[in-house]
Protein backbone atom coordinates (compact mmCIF):
# COMPACT_ATOMS: atom_id res chain seq x y z
CA MET A 1 96.36 121.42 156.63
CA THR A 2 93.87 124.27 156.50
CA GLY A 3 95.71 127.59 156.79
CA GLN A 4 99.04 126.22 155.60
CA ILE A 5 100.88 127.51 152.53
CA LEU A 6 101.79 124.87 149.96
CA ASP A 7 104.80 125.24 147.69
CA GLU A 8 105.07 128.89 148.73
CA LYS A 9 102.14 129.87 146.52
CA TYR A 10 98.86 128.18 147.57
CA LEU A 11 97.03 129.03 150.80
CA LEU A 12 94.93 126.00 151.78
CA GLY A 13 91.35 126.59 152.90
CA ARG A 14 88.71 124.16 154.07
CA LEU A 15 88.82 120.46 153.30
CA LEU A 16 86.44 119.55 150.46
CA GLY A 17 86.95 115.80 150.39
CA GLU A 18 89.25 113.04 151.55
CA GLY A 19 90.28 109.63 150.26
CA THR A 20 92.72 106.89 151.19
CA THR A 21 95.74 108.51 149.62
CA GLY A 22 94.85 112.17 149.30
CA SER A 23 92.65 115.14 150.07
CA VAL A 24 91.07 117.99 148.13
CA TYR A 25 91.11 121.50 149.59
CA GLU A 26 89.78 124.88 148.71
CA ALA A 27 92.85 127.02 148.07
CA GLN A 28 93.91 130.43 146.84
CA HIS A 29 96.88 131.33 144.68
CA LEU A 30 98.80 133.94 146.68
CA GLY A 31 99.97 135.81 143.60
CA THR A 32 96.72 136.12 141.68
CA LEU A 33 94.22 135.52 144.54
CA GLN A 34 92.47 133.07 142.22
CA PRO A 35 90.31 130.50 144.06
CA VAL A 36 91.19 126.94 143.09
CA ALA A 37 90.70 123.35 144.18
CA LEU A 38 93.90 121.57 145.16
CA LYS A 39 94.32 117.80 145.27
CA LEU A 40 97.14 116.85 147.64
CA LEU A 41 98.59 113.40 148.26
CA ARG A 42 98.96 112.53 151.93
CA GLU A 43 102.53 112.33 153.20
CA ASP A 44 101.64 109.60 155.72
CA HIS A 45 100.94 107.07 152.94
CA PRO A 46 104.37 106.58 151.38
CA ALA A 47 103.45 103.21 149.84
CA ALA A 48 100.66 104.86 147.85
CA ARG A 49 102.65 107.97 147.01
CA SER A 50 104.54 106.59 143.99
CA GLU A 51 101.38 105.34 142.28
CA GLY A 52 99.43 108.40 143.37
CA ALA A 53 102.11 110.72 142.01
CA ARG A 54 101.98 108.89 138.68
CA ARG A 55 98.23 109.33 138.61
CA LEU A 56 98.47 113.04 139.34
CA ARG A 57 101.05 113.54 136.60
CA ARG A 58 98.92 111.52 134.22
CA GLU A 59 95.84 113.54 135.10
CA ALA A 60 97.68 116.83 134.67
CA ARG A 61 99.01 115.89 131.23
CA ALA A 62 95.79 114.30 130.02
CA VAL A 63 93.28 116.97 131.04
CA GLY A 64 95.69 119.86 130.60
CA SER A 65 96.03 118.99 126.92
CA VAL A 66 92.30 119.28 126.16
CA ASP A 67 90.27 122.49 126.27
CA ASP A 68 86.61 121.60 126.67
CA PRO A 69 83.97 123.18 128.92
CA HIS A 70 82.82 119.72 130.04
CA LEU A 71 86.23 118.61 131.35
CA VAL A 72 87.50 120.04 134.61
CA LYS A 73 90.38 122.45 133.92
CA VAL A 74 93.78 121.57 135.36
CA LEU A 75 95.70 124.77 136.11
CA ASP A 76 98.94 123.61 137.71
CA SER A 77 100.75 120.65 139.23
CA GLY A 78 103.91 120.21 141.24
CA GLU A 79 105.49 118.92 144.43
CA ASP A 80 105.67 120.78 147.71
CA GLU A 81 109.33 121.42 148.45
CA ALA A 82 108.92 121.21 152.23
CA THR A 83 106.97 117.92 152.41
CA GLY A 84 107.63 116.32 149.03
CA CYS A 85 103.86 115.88 148.57
CA PRO A 86 102.68 115.96 144.94
CA TYR A 87 99.66 118.12 144.19
CA LEU A 88 97.28 119.01 141.37
CA VAL A 89 95.50 122.36 141.01
CA MET A 90 92.11 122.56 139.29
CA GLU A 91 89.44 125.15 138.68
CA ARG A 92 87.22 125.70 141.71
CA LEU A 93 83.68 124.57 140.98
CA ALA A 94 80.46 125.35 142.85
CA GLY A 95 77.76 122.71 142.92
CA GLU A 96 77.66 118.98 143.62
CA ASP A 97 78.45 115.72 141.90
CA LEU A 98 75.79 113.58 140.27
CA GLN A 99 76.07 110.87 142.93
CA ARG A 100 74.99 113.30 145.65
CA LEU A 101 72.11 114.54 143.53
CA LEU A 102 70.87 111.00 142.85
CA ASP A 103 71.22 110.06 146.51
CA ARG A 104 69.07 113.05 147.39
CA VAL A 105 66.31 112.96 144.76
CA GLY A 106 66.33 109.46 143.29
CA PRO A 107 65.62 108.86 139.59
CA LEU A 108 65.68 111.93 137.39
CA PRO A 109 63.09 112.90 134.80
CA PRO A 110 64.27 111.54 131.42
CA PRO A 111 64.81 115.00 129.85
CA VAL A 112 67.11 115.96 132.74
CA ALA A 113 68.99 112.65 132.63
CA LEU A 114 69.45 112.94 128.86
CA SER A 115 70.75 116.49 129.17
CA LEU A 116 73.27 115.39 131.78
CA ALA A 117 74.40 112.51 129.60
CA GLY A 118 74.53 114.71 126.51
CA GLN A 119 76.85 117.22 128.16
CA ALA A 120 79.08 114.44 129.48
CA LEU A 121 79.23 112.93 126.00
CA LEU A 122 80.35 116.27 124.57
CA GLY A 123 83.29 116.17 126.98
CA LEU A 124 84.04 112.55 126.13
CA VAL A 125 84.08 113.31 122.41
CA SER A 126 86.84 115.86 123.04
CA ALA A 127 88.77 113.54 125.36
CA HIS A 128 88.57 110.62 122.96
CA ALA A 129 89.64 112.81 120.03
CA ALA A 130 92.79 113.51 122.06
CA GLY A 131 93.32 109.79 122.60
CA ILE A 132 92.25 109.81 126.27
CA VAL A 133 90.05 107.07 127.74
CA HIS A 134 88.77 107.99 131.20
CA ARG A 135 88.21 104.43 132.55
CA ASP A 136 86.41 105.54 135.72
CA LEU A 137 83.18 107.24 134.71
CA LYS A 138 80.62 107.09 137.49
CA PRO A 139 78.11 109.53 139.04
CA ALA A 140 80.69 110.78 141.57
CA ASN A 141 82.98 111.83 138.70
CA LEU A 142 80.35 113.94 136.93
CA PHE A 143 80.15 117.34 138.61
CA LEU A 144 77.15 119.63 138.20
CA ALA A 145 78.82 123.02 138.21
CA ARG A 146 76.61 126.05 138.81
CA GLN A 147 77.25 128.82 136.31
CA PRO A 148 76.30 132.53 136.37
CA GLY A 149 72.63 133.03 135.61
CA GLY A 150 71.53 129.69 137.05
CA GLU A 151 72.84 127.43 134.29
CA VAL A 152 74.52 124.12 135.12
CA ALA A 153 77.50 122.63 133.27
CA VAL A 154 78.41 118.96 133.58
CA LYS A 155 82.15 118.58 134.18
CA ILE A 156 83.99 115.26 134.00
CA LEU A 157 86.36 114.88 136.96
CA ASP A 158 89.26 112.64 137.98
CA PHE A 159 91.32 111.42 135.05
CA GLY A 160 93.70 109.74 137.51
CA ILE A 161 93.46 106.31 135.88
CA ALA A 162 92.94 107.58 132.33
CA LYS A 163 94.54 105.64 129.52
CA VAL A 164 96.31 107.62 126.82
CA LEU A 165 96.14 105.68 123.58
CA PRO A 166 99.29 105.24 121.46
CA SER A 167 97.78 107.36 118.67
CA SER A 168 97.68 110.33 121.06
CA PRO A 169 99.99 113.23 120.19
CA SER A 170 101.47 112.94 123.72
CA PRO A 171 103.27 109.56 123.69
CA ARG A 172 105.11 110.40 126.92
CA SER A 173 101.78 109.97 128.68
CA ALA A 174 101.17 106.49 127.31
CA THR A 175 103.02 104.56 130.03
CA PRO A 176 100.58 101.89 131.26
CA LEU A 177 99.23 102.33 134.76
CA THR A 178 98.31 98.99 136.31
CA ARG A 179 97.81 97.62 139.78
CA THR A 180 98.63 93.97 140.35
CA GLY A 181 95.78 92.11 141.99
CA GLY A 182 93.46 95.13 141.90
CA LEU A 183 90.83 96.76 139.75
CA LEU A 184 91.15 100.04 137.92
CA GLY A 185 87.72 101.60 137.95
CA SER A 186 84.48 101.41 139.92
CA PRO A 187 82.89 97.93 139.72
CA LEU A 188 79.26 98.97 139.19
CA TYR A 189 80.20 101.05 136.14
CA MET A 190 83.02 98.98 134.63
CA SER A 191 82.69 97.55 131.13
CA PRO A 192 83.11 93.80 130.51
CA GLU A 193 86.45 94.28 128.77
CA GLN A 194 87.65 96.46 131.64
CA VAL A 195 86.76 93.76 134.15
CA GLU A 196 88.83 91.28 132.16
CA ASN A 197 91.89 93.49 131.56
CA SER A 198 91.86 97.23 132.11
CA LYS A 199 94.96 97.73 129.96
CA HIS A 200 93.19 96.45 126.85
CA VAL A 201 90.34 98.91 126.55
CA ASP A 202 89.46 101.68 124.13
CA ALA A 203 86.94 104.50 124.04
CA ARG A 204 84.03 102.04 123.97
CA THR A 205 84.62 101.31 127.65
CA ASP A 206 83.67 104.92 128.44
CA VAL A 207 80.52 104.49 126.34
CA TRP A 208 79.54 101.52 128.50
CA SER A 209 80.27 103.35 131.74
CA LEU A 210 78.34 106.46 130.75
CA ALA A 211 75.39 104.31 129.67
CA SER A 212 75.50 102.67 133.12
CA VAL A 213 75.41 106.14 134.69
CA LEU A 214 72.45 107.11 132.50
CA TYR A 215 70.68 103.85 133.43
CA ARG A 216 71.23 104.71 137.11
CA ALA A 217 69.95 108.25 136.64
CA LEU A 218 66.79 107.03 134.90
CA CYS A 219 65.75 104.19 137.20
CA GLY A 220 67.62 104.73 140.47
CA ALA A 221 70.12 101.85 140.33
CA ALA A 222 73.06 100.79 138.20
CA PRO A 223 72.38 97.79 135.92
CA HIS A 224 73.70 95.10 138.30
CA GLU A 225 73.42 96.98 141.59
CA HIS A 226 70.85 94.49 142.89
CA LEU A 227 73.48 91.75 143.21
CA PRO A 228 74.83 91.13 146.74
CA THR A 229 78.61 91.03 146.18
CA ILE A 230 81.22 92.68 143.97
CA GLY A 231 82.18 89.26 142.65
CA LYS A 232 78.65 88.58 141.43
CA VAL A 233 78.48 92.07 139.93
CA LEU A 234 81.68 91.51 137.94
CA ILE A 235 80.50 88.11 136.68
CA ALA A 236 77.14 89.57 135.62
CA ILE A 237 78.78 92.49 133.81
CA CYS A 238 80.70 90.00 131.65
CA ASP A 239 77.94 87.42 131.14
CA ALA A 240 74.47 88.86 131.70
CA PRO A 241 72.77 91.66 129.72
CA ALA A 242 71.63 94.60 131.79
CA PRO A 243 68.10 94.08 133.15
CA ALA A 244 65.50 95.69 130.92
CA LEU A 245 65.44 99.39 131.78
CA ARG A 246 61.70 99.79 131.13
CA GLU A 247 60.88 96.97 133.57
CA ARG A 248 62.56 99.03 136.27
CA ALA A 249 61.48 102.42 134.94
CA PRO A 250 58.32 102.09 132.82
CA TRP A 251 58.18 105.90 132.44
CA VAL A 252 61.27 105.75 130.19
CA SER A 253 60.38 105.73 126.49
CA PRO A 254 61.31 102.75 124.29
CA GLU A 255 63.52 105.06 122.21
CA VAL A 256 65.58 106.11 125.25
CA ALA A 257 65.80 102.50 126.47
CA ARG A 258 67.12 101.40 123.07
CA VAL A 259 69.91 103.98 123.23
CA VAL A 260 70.90 102.89 126.73
CA HIS A 261 70.88 99.17 125.97
CA GLY A 262 72.73 99.70 122.69
CA ALA A 263 75.55 101.28 124.65
CA LEU A 264 75.50 98.43 127.20
CA ALA A 265 76.12 95.57 124.76
CA ILE A 266 78.55 93.11 126.35
CA ASP A 267 80.46 92.58 123.10
CA PRO A 268 82.25 95.85 122.23
CA ALA A 269 81.81 95.04 118.54
CA ARG A 270 78.01 95.16 118.99
CA ARG A 271 78.04 98.22 121.26
CA THR A 272 77.40 101.82 120.23
CA PRO A 273 80.83 102.40 118.69
CA SER A 274 81.77 105.80 120.10
CA ALA A 275 80.78 108.71 122.31
CA ALA A 276 80.01 110.67 119.14
CA ALA A 277 77.61 107.93 117.97
CA MET A 278 75.87 107.82 121.36
CA LEU A 279 75.60 111.60 121.32
CA ALA A 280 74.03 111.47 117.85
CA ALA A 281 71.51 108.88 119.10
CA ILE A 282 70.53 111.02 122.11
CA GLU A 283 70.23 114.37 120.32
CA PRO A 284 66.86 113.60 118.62
CA LEU A 285 65.48 112.56 122.02
CA ALA A 286 66.36 115.96 123.49
CA PRO A 287 64.93 118.38 120.91
CA GLY A 288 65.38 121.29 123.31
CA GLY A 289 69.12 120.64 123.54
CA PHE A 290 71.20 119.73 126.56
CA ALA A 291 70.97 123.00 128.51
CA LEU A 292 70.43 122.57 132.25
CA ARG A 293 69.35 125.03 134.89
CA HIS A 294 69.72 124.75 138.64
CA GLU A 295 65.96 124.57 139.23
CA MET A 296 65.78 121.51 136.97
CA LEU A 297 68.00 119.67 139.47
CA THR A 298 66.17 120.81 142.58
CA GLY A 299 62.43 121.48 142.51
CA ALA A 300 61.63 119.72 139.24
CA ALA A 301 63.90 116.78 139.97
CA GLU A 302 62.53 116.34 143.48
CA GLU A 303 58.94 116.43 142.30
CA ASP A 304 59.34 114.16 139.26
CA GLY A 305 62.01 112.01 140.88
CA GLY A 306 59.72 111.40 143.85
CA SER A 307 56.94 110.14 141.59
CA ALA A 308 59.53 108.10 139.72
CA ARG A 309 60.62 106.46 143.00
CA ARG A 310 57.00 105.65 143.83
CA SER A 311 56.54 104.11 140.39
CA ALA A 312 59.82 102.20 140.78
CA ALA A 313 58.55 100.66 144.00
CA ALA A 314 55.57 99.22 142.14
CA ALA A 315 57.49 98.22 139.00
CA PRO A 316 58.54 94.60 138.41
CA ARG A 317 62.16 93.84 139.25
């Protein structure tokens, strides 16, 4: 659809990404000339459109209600009059997601990984304070946005399956979103309670998922990524503690490993109780703060991550 005008106000540019039910384009608002990113549901998937439209509306209401520099900004939403396709308009970000970075450089130096997690936790604290549980935190949904001057801001993306808790000030958004016979979330990063019933989760499920992301960033693999099938992964998430982080990544300090494993407790009652509590546990381990610069994710990450991968190859599994 590059070159087409959507809803008489957005000129679509190049395709940024594509999924089963929708695509994300560069776009420009014709009135203000503001560059944006536009998520558009595909008109040739009518069976997915009703659920997809619900997710877009949910995402627009959830993220649009919270102003935090670590949550992607939602600017507009609507439905194209000509095609009937729902769309969501977000701020246009420059950079890459964490999944691509990890695929390229492997494990990150602990100070870099902690800074990434710390910024994501700041965003989660704001989301949870608004009664919003993300339910799909994974490296691909953490975007490393380049800022002026070379700084990098972590932005949480894709609140499409977010749960809005009843205590939220926006009860209209609290309609449950379920999918019979399916999973809501990404298996490698799902909490035990989410595996069992995604409707019955609270903010602690995001704590688990972010800890799984941090585990992956530190050692190069999610806690149960070594298992051969999704079924075995889901069983292990519910029944088996995460393999000891320092056995996979001996360069990680015991203090950092304790924070990660505390947030990966299978029983939510024994888990780090909130994003704010996990943030408080990480802050002393990052005395320089959570600031990130682009060079920390390129040259430094490639150098230290490469040595980390060589150590990982020799570490016991």
